[in-house]
Amino acid sequence: MAIRNIMIEGKDDDVLRGHCREVGEVTDRIRMILDDMLETMRLHGGVGIAAPQVGIRRRMFIIEPEPGEVTEFIDPVILEMSGTQTGEEGCLSSPGLVGTVDRPEYIKIEATNRNGERFEMEGTGFLPVVISHEYDHLDGILYIDKAENIHEVEITEEADEK
């Protein structure tokens, strides 16, 4: 596994703002990229990461809403969304900023896993926030495009120690 460079909004918009191509066949190279994405996400303290954030314009992302609960999504399709919840979000590609974003309360998604098998996942609460945030990246949408009250994150001593 390898750490990949994170694409930064304003600097790497040619990758971040583009529409991603489908993956299609899941190969060893795709699995290696997923492994690299997970390592990169964890190093930077994220709960999700999409392929364009590491410079790859392909339709795949990873989430880890709770430690150890990793799900990989290849060629995902959102089947259903409902309700609304509002909360603060940040993004590895917009370091140091957070903003208030409306996201669905419920989501149902279909995707392919690293073994080439299609699966469905659904949930409420934090799960739709993370999934919809990462899914947006696949269409060149960043949370700052939807956010209100964007501001710099206040660094505390506790956060510095992590």
C-alpha atoms as a PDB file:
ATOM      1  CA  MET A   1       0.000   0.000   0.000  1.00  0.00           C
ATOM      2  CA  ALA A   2       1.080   3.567  -0.586  1.00  0.00           C
ATOM      3  CA  ILE A   3       0.070   7.007   0.552  1.00  0.00           C
ATOM      4  CA  ARG A   4      -1.347   9.065  -2.294  1.00  0.00           C
ATOM      5  CA  ASN A   5      -1.359  12.839  -2.646  1.00  0.00           C
ATOM      6  CA  ILE A   6      -4.669  14.509  -1.801  1.00  0.00           C
ATOM      7  CA  MET A   7      -6.003  16.778  -4.544  1.00  0.00           C
ATOM      8  CA  ILE A   8      -6.753  20.261  -3.168  1.00  0.00           C
ATOM      9  CA  GLU A   9      -9.683  22.455  -4.214  1.00  0.00           C
ATOM     10  CA  GLY A  10      -8.500  25.527  -6.096  1.00  0.00           C
ATOM     11  CA  LYS A  11      -5.229  23.814  -7.078  1.00  0.00           C
ATOM     12  CA  ASP A  12      -6.343  20.488  -8.565  1.00  0.00           C
ATOM     13  CA  ASP A  13      -9.768  21.460  -9.934  1.00  0.00           C
ATOM     14  CA  ASP A  14      -9.066  19.770 -13.279  1.00  0.00           C
ATOM     15  CA  VAL A  15      -9.359  16.427 -11.435  1.00  0.00           C
ATOM     16  CA  LEU A  16     -11.741  17.348  -8.597  1.00  0.00           C
ATOM     17  CA  ARG A  17     -14.285  19.133 -10.808  1.00  0.00           C
ATOM     18  CA  GLY A  18     -14.465  16.507 -13.544  1.00  0.00           C
ATOM     19  CA  HIS A  19     -17.029  13.765 -14.046  1.00  0.00           C
ATOM     20  CA  CYS A  20     -15.578  10.318 -13.277  1.00  0.00           C
ATOM     21  CA  ARG A  21     -15.661   7.346 -15.646  1.00  0.00           C
ATOM     22  CA  GLU A  22     -17.069   3.992 -14.617  1.00  0.00           C
ATOM     23  CA  VAL A  23     -14.605   1.383 -13.408  1.00  0.00           C
ATOM     24  CA  GLY A  24     -16.204  -1.648 -15.060  1.00  0.00           C
ATOM     25  CA  GLU A  25     -14.023  -4.681 -14.410  1.00  0.00           C
ATOM     26  CA  VAL A  26     -12.480  -4.866 -10.939  1.00  0.00           C
ATOM     27  CA  THR A  27      -8.803  -5.685 -11.450  1.00  0.00           C
ATOM     28  CA  ASP A  28      -5.811  -6.055  -9.144  1.00  0.00           C
ATOM     29  CA  ARG A  29      -4.892  -2.454 -10.016  1.00  0.00           C
ATOM     30  CA  ILE A  30      -8.325  -1.241  -8.845  1.00  0.00           C
ATOM     31  CA  ARG A  31      -7.929  -3.205  -5.592  1.00  0.00           C
ATOM     32  CA  MET A  32      -4.453  -1.677  -5.102  1.00  0.00           C
ATOM     33  CA  ILE A  33      -5.876   1.828  -5.603  1.00  0.00           C
ATOM     34  CA  LEU A  34      -8.614   1.086  -3.034  1.00  0.00           C
ATOM     35  CA  ASP A  35      -5.963  -0.083  -0.551  1.00  0.00           C
ATOM     36  CA  ASP A  36      -3.953   3.099  -1.159  1.00  0.00           C
ATOM     37  CA  MET A  37      -7.080   5.231  -0.759  1.00  0.00           C
ATOM     38  CA  LEU A  38      -7.878   3.621   2.603  1.00  0.00           C
ATOM     39  CA  GLU A  39      -4.346   4.155   3.889  1.00  0.00           C
ATOM     40  CA  THR A  40      -4.358   7.773   2.672  1.00  0.00           C
ATOM     41  CA  MET A  41      -7.788   8.471   4.200  1.00  0.00           C
ATOM     42  CA  ARG A  42      -6.763   7.053   7.578  1.00  0.00           C
ATOM     43  CA  LEU A  43      -3.466   8.954   7.603  1.00  0.00           C
ATOM     44  CA  HIS A  44      -5.351  12.218   7.094  1.00  0.00           C
ATOM     45  CA  GLY A  45      -8.115  11.405   9.595  1.00  0.00           C
ATOM     46  CA  GLY A  46     -10.950  11.168   7.081  1.00  0.00           C
ATOM     47  CA  VAL A  47     -14.127   9.076   7.252  1.00  0.00           C
ATOM     48  CA  GLY A  48     -14.421   8.825   3.479  1.00  0.00           C
ATOM     49  CA  ILE A  49     -12.386   9.345   0.339  1.00  0.00           C
ATOM     50  CA  ALA A  50     -13.236   9.276  -3.357  1.00  0.00           C
ATOM     51  CA  ALA A  51     -10.910   8.338  -6.207  1.00  0.00           C
ATOM     52  CA  PRO A  52     -10.715  11.879  -7.670  1.00  0.00           C
ATOM     53  CA  GLN A  53      -9.359  13.069  -4.329  1.00  0.00           C
ATOM     54  CA  VAL A  54      -6.243  11.005  -5.037  1.00  0.00           C
ATOM     55  CA  GLY A  55      -6.078  12.054  -8.691  1.00  0.00           C
ATOM     56  CA  ILE A  56      -8.035   9.187 -10.262  1.00  0.00           C
ATOM     57  CA  ARG A  57     -11.183  10.078 -12.212  1.00  0.00           C
ATOM     58  CA  ARG A  58     -12.961   6.758 -11.706  1.00  0.00           C
ATOM     59  CA  ARG A  59     -16.316   6.081  -9.997  1.00  0.00           C
ATOM     60  CA  MET A  60     -15.225   4.606  -6.673  1.00  0.00           C
ATOM     61  CA  PHE A  61     -14.990   5.661  -3.047  1.00  0.00           C
ATOM     62  CA  ILE A  62     -14.438   4.278   0.444  1.00  0.00           C
ATOM     63  CA  ILE A  63     -16.168   5.117   3.707  1.00  0.00           C
ATOM     64  CA  GLU A  64     -15.304   4.316   7.309  1.00  0.00           C
ATOM     65  CA  PRO A  65     -18.038   6.035   9.351  1.00  0.00           C
ATOM     66  CA  GLU A  66     -16.980   4.056  12.437  1.00  0.00           C
ATOM     67  CA  PRO A  67     -13.460   2.722  13.075  1.00  0.00           C
ATOM     68  CA  GLY A  68     -13.069  -0.658  11.384  1.00  0.00           C
ATOM     69  CA  GLU A  69     -16.366  -0.394   9.434  1.00  0.00           C
ATOM     70  CA  VAL A  70     -14.899   0.034   5.952  1.00  0.00           C
ATOM     71  CA  THR A  71     -17.074  -0.220   2.838  1.00  0.00           C
ATOM     72  CA  GLU A  72     -15.773   0.152  -0.703  1.00  0.00           C
ATOM     73  CA  PHE A  73     -18.092   1.346  -3.470  1.00  0.00           C
ATOM     74  CA  ILE A  74     -17.223   0.778  -7.128  1.00  0.00           C
ATOM     75  CA  ASP A  75     -19.551   2.165  -9.824  1.00  0.00           C
ATOM     76  CA  PRO A  76     -22.169   3.153  -7.224  1.00  0.00           C
ATOM     77  CA  VAL A  77     -25.737   4.144  -8.043  1.00  0.00           C
ATOM     78  CA  ILE A  78     -27.963   5.890  -5.501  1.00  0.00           C
ATOM     79  CA  LEU A  79     -31.314   4.118  -5.593  1.00  0.00           C
ATOM     80  CA  GLU A  80     -33.218   6.191  -3.059  1.00  0.00           C
ATOM     81  CA  MET A  81     -32.817   9.207  -0.782  1.00  0.00           C
ATOM     82  CA  SER A  82     -35.306  10.828   1.551  1.00  0.00           C
ATOM     83  CA  GLY A  83     -35.573  13.299   4.383  1.00  0.00           C
ATOM     84  CA  THR A  84     -33.118  16.035   5.236  1.00  0.00           C
ATOM     85  CA  GLN A  85     -30.561  16.568   7.948  1.00  0.00           C
ATOM     86  CA  THR A  86     -28.223  19.502   8.364  1.00  0.00           C
ATOM     87  CA  GLY A  87     -24.752  19.381   9.853  1.00  0.00           C
ATOM     88  CA  GLU A  88     -21.172  20.595   9.654  1.00  0.00           C
ATOM     89  CA  GLU A  89     -18.856  18.948   7.152  1.00  0.00           C
ATOM     90  CA  GLY A  90     -15.257  19.172   6.150  1.00  0.00           C
ATOM     91  CA  CYS A  91     -13.283  17.550   3.356  1.00  0.00           C
ATOM     92  CA  LEU A  92      -9.733  16.328   2.861  1.00  0.00           C
ATOM     93  CA  SER A  93      -9.678  18.338  -0.385  1.00  0.00           C
ATOM     94  CA  SER A  94     -10.644  21.589   1.388  1.00  0.00           C
ATOM     95  CA  PRO A  95      -8.299  21.459   4.377  1.00  0.00           C
ATOM     96  CA  GLY A  96      -8.975  23.710   7.330  1.00  0.00           C
ATOM     97  CA  LEU A  97     -12.548  24.579   6.316  1.00  0.00           C
ATOM     98  CA  VAL A  98     -15.961  23.416   7.509  1.00  0.00           C
ATOM     99  CA  GLY A  99     -19.448  24.416   6.462  1.00  0.00           C
ATOM    100  CA  THR A 100     -23.096  23.597   7.074  1.00  0.00           C
ATOM    101  CA  VAL A 101     -24.613  21.213   4.508  1.00  0.00           C
ATOM    102  CA  ASP A 102     -28.061  19.678   3.963  1.00  0.00           C
ATOM    103  CA  ARG A 103     -27.848  15.931   3.332  1.00  0.00           C
ATOM    104  CA  PRO A 104     -30.426  13.123   3.131  1.00  0.00           C
ATOM    105  CA  GLU A 105     -31.616  11.425   6.328  1.00  0.00           C
ATOM    106  CA  TYR A 106     -31.993   8.093   4.495  1.00  0.00           C
ATOM    107  CA  ILE A 107     -30.055   6.610   1.586  1.00  0.00           C
ATOM    108  CA  LYS A 108     -30.085   3.372  -0.374  1.00  0.00           C
ATOM    109  CA  ILE A 109     -27.181   2.678  -2.721  1.00  0.00           C
ATOM    110  CA  GLU A 110     -26.029  -0.126  -4.980  1.00  0.00           C
ATOM    111  CA  ALA A 111     -22.369  -0.710  -5.882  1.00  0.00           C
ATOM    112  CA  THR A 112     -19.770  -3.312  -6.719  1.00  0.00           C
ATOM    113  CA  ASN A 113     -17.292  -4.544  -4.092  1.00  0.00           C
ATOM    114  CA  ARG A 114     -13.617  -5.408  -4.574  1.00  0.00           C
ATOM    115  CA  ASN A 115     -14.583  -8.977  -5.529  1.00  0.00           C
ATOM    116  CA  GLY A 116     -16.708  -7.762  -8.441  1.00  0.00           C
ATOM    117  CA  GLU A 117     -20.014  -8.521  -6.668  1.00  0.00           C
ATOM    118  CA  ARG A 118     -22.934  -6.063  -6.645  1.00  0.00           C
ATOM    119  CA  PHE A 119     -24.426  -5.212  -3.251  1.00  0.00           C
ATOM    120  CA  GLU A 120     -26.922  -2.811  -1.721  1.00  0.00           C
ATOM    121  CA  MET A 121     -26.558  -0.746   1.445  1.00  0.00           C
ATOM    122  CA  GLU A 122     -29.065   1.487   3.168  1.00  0.00           C
ATOM    123  CA  GLY A 123     -29.074   3.526   6.312  1.00  0.00           C
ATOM    124  CA  THR A 124     -29.975   6.627   8.246  1.00  0.00           C
ATOM    125  CA  GLY A 125     -28.061   9.065  10.431  1.00  0.00           C
ATOM    126  CA  PHE A 126     -24.382   9.606   9.628  1.00  0.00           C
ATOM    127  CA  LEU A 127     -24.210   6.970   6.865  1.00  0.00           C
ATOM    128  CA  PRO A 128     -26.177   8.998   4.260  1.00  0.00           C
ATOM    129  CA  VAL A 129     -24.035  12.051   5.047  1.00  0.00           C
ATOM    130  CA  VAL A 130     -20.795  10.225   4.326  1.00  0.00           C
ATOM    131  CA  ILE A 131     -22.108   8.340   1.288  1.00  0.00           C
ATOM    132  CA  SER A 132     -23.706  11.383  -0.360  1.00  0.00           C
ATOM    133  CA  HIS A 133     -20.584  13.501   0.318  1.00  0.00           C
ATOM    134  CA  GLU A 134     -18.303  10.950  -1.373  1.00  0.00           C
ATOM    135  CA  TYR A 135     -20.778  10.231  -4.172  1.00  0.00           C
ATOM    136  CA  ASP A 136     -20.843  13.943  -5.036  1.00  0.00           C
ATOM    137  CA  HIS A 137     -17.079  13.802  -5.677  1.00  0.00           C
ATOM    138  CA  LEU A 138     -17.714  11.356  -8.533  1.00  0.00           C
ATOM    139  CA  ASP A 139     -19.666  14.083 -10.340  1.00  0.00           C
ATOM    140  CA  GLY A 140     -17.175  16.868  -9.604  1.00  0.00           C
ATOM    141  CA  ILE A 141     -19.241  18.350  -6.755  1.00  0.00           C
ATOM    142  CA  LEU A 142     -17.510  19.452  -3.563  1.00  0.00           C
ATOM    143  CA  TYR A 143     -19.301  20.027  -0.276  1.00  0.00           C
ATOM    144  CA  ILE A 144     -18.316  23.710  -0.423  1.00  0.00           C
ATOM    145  CA  ASP A 145     -20.604  23.997  -3.476  1.00  0.00           C
ATOM    146  CA  LYS A 146     -23.570  23.161  -1.217  1.00  0.00           C
ATOM    147  CA  ALA A 147     -22.373  24.544   2.113  1.00  0.00           C
ATOM    148  CA  GLU A 148     -23.369  27.650   3.991  1.00  0.00           C
ATOM    149  CA  ASN A 149     -21.425  29.365   6.733  1.00  0.00           C
ATOM    150  CA  ILE A 150     -18.050  28.096   5.481  1.00  0.00           C
ATOM    151  CA  HIS A 151     -15.362  28.979   7.986  1.00  0.00           C
ATOM    152  CA  GLU A 152     -11.925  27.950   9.135  1.00  0.00           C
ATOM    153  CA  VAL A 153     -11.649  25.157  11.672  1.00  0.00           C
ATOM    154  CA  GLU A 154     -10.468  26.255  15.079  1.00  0.00           C
ATOM    155  CA  ILE A 155      -7.484  24.143  16.096  1.00  0.00           C
ATOM    156  CA  THR A 156      -7.545  23.109  19.735  1.00  0.00           C
ATOM    157  CA  GLU A 157      -4.694  21.689  21.807  1.00  0.00           C
ATOM    158  CA  GLU A 158      -6.544  18.348  21.885  1.00  0.00           C
ATOM    159  CA  ALA A 159      -6.731  18.262  18.076  1.00  0.00           C
ATOM    160  CA  ASP A 160      -3.010  19.120  17.856  1.00  0.00           C
ATOM    161  CA  GLU A 161      -2.150  16.059  19.904  1.00  0.00           C
ATOM    162  CA  LYS A 162      -3.766  13.658  17.385  1.00  0.00           C
END
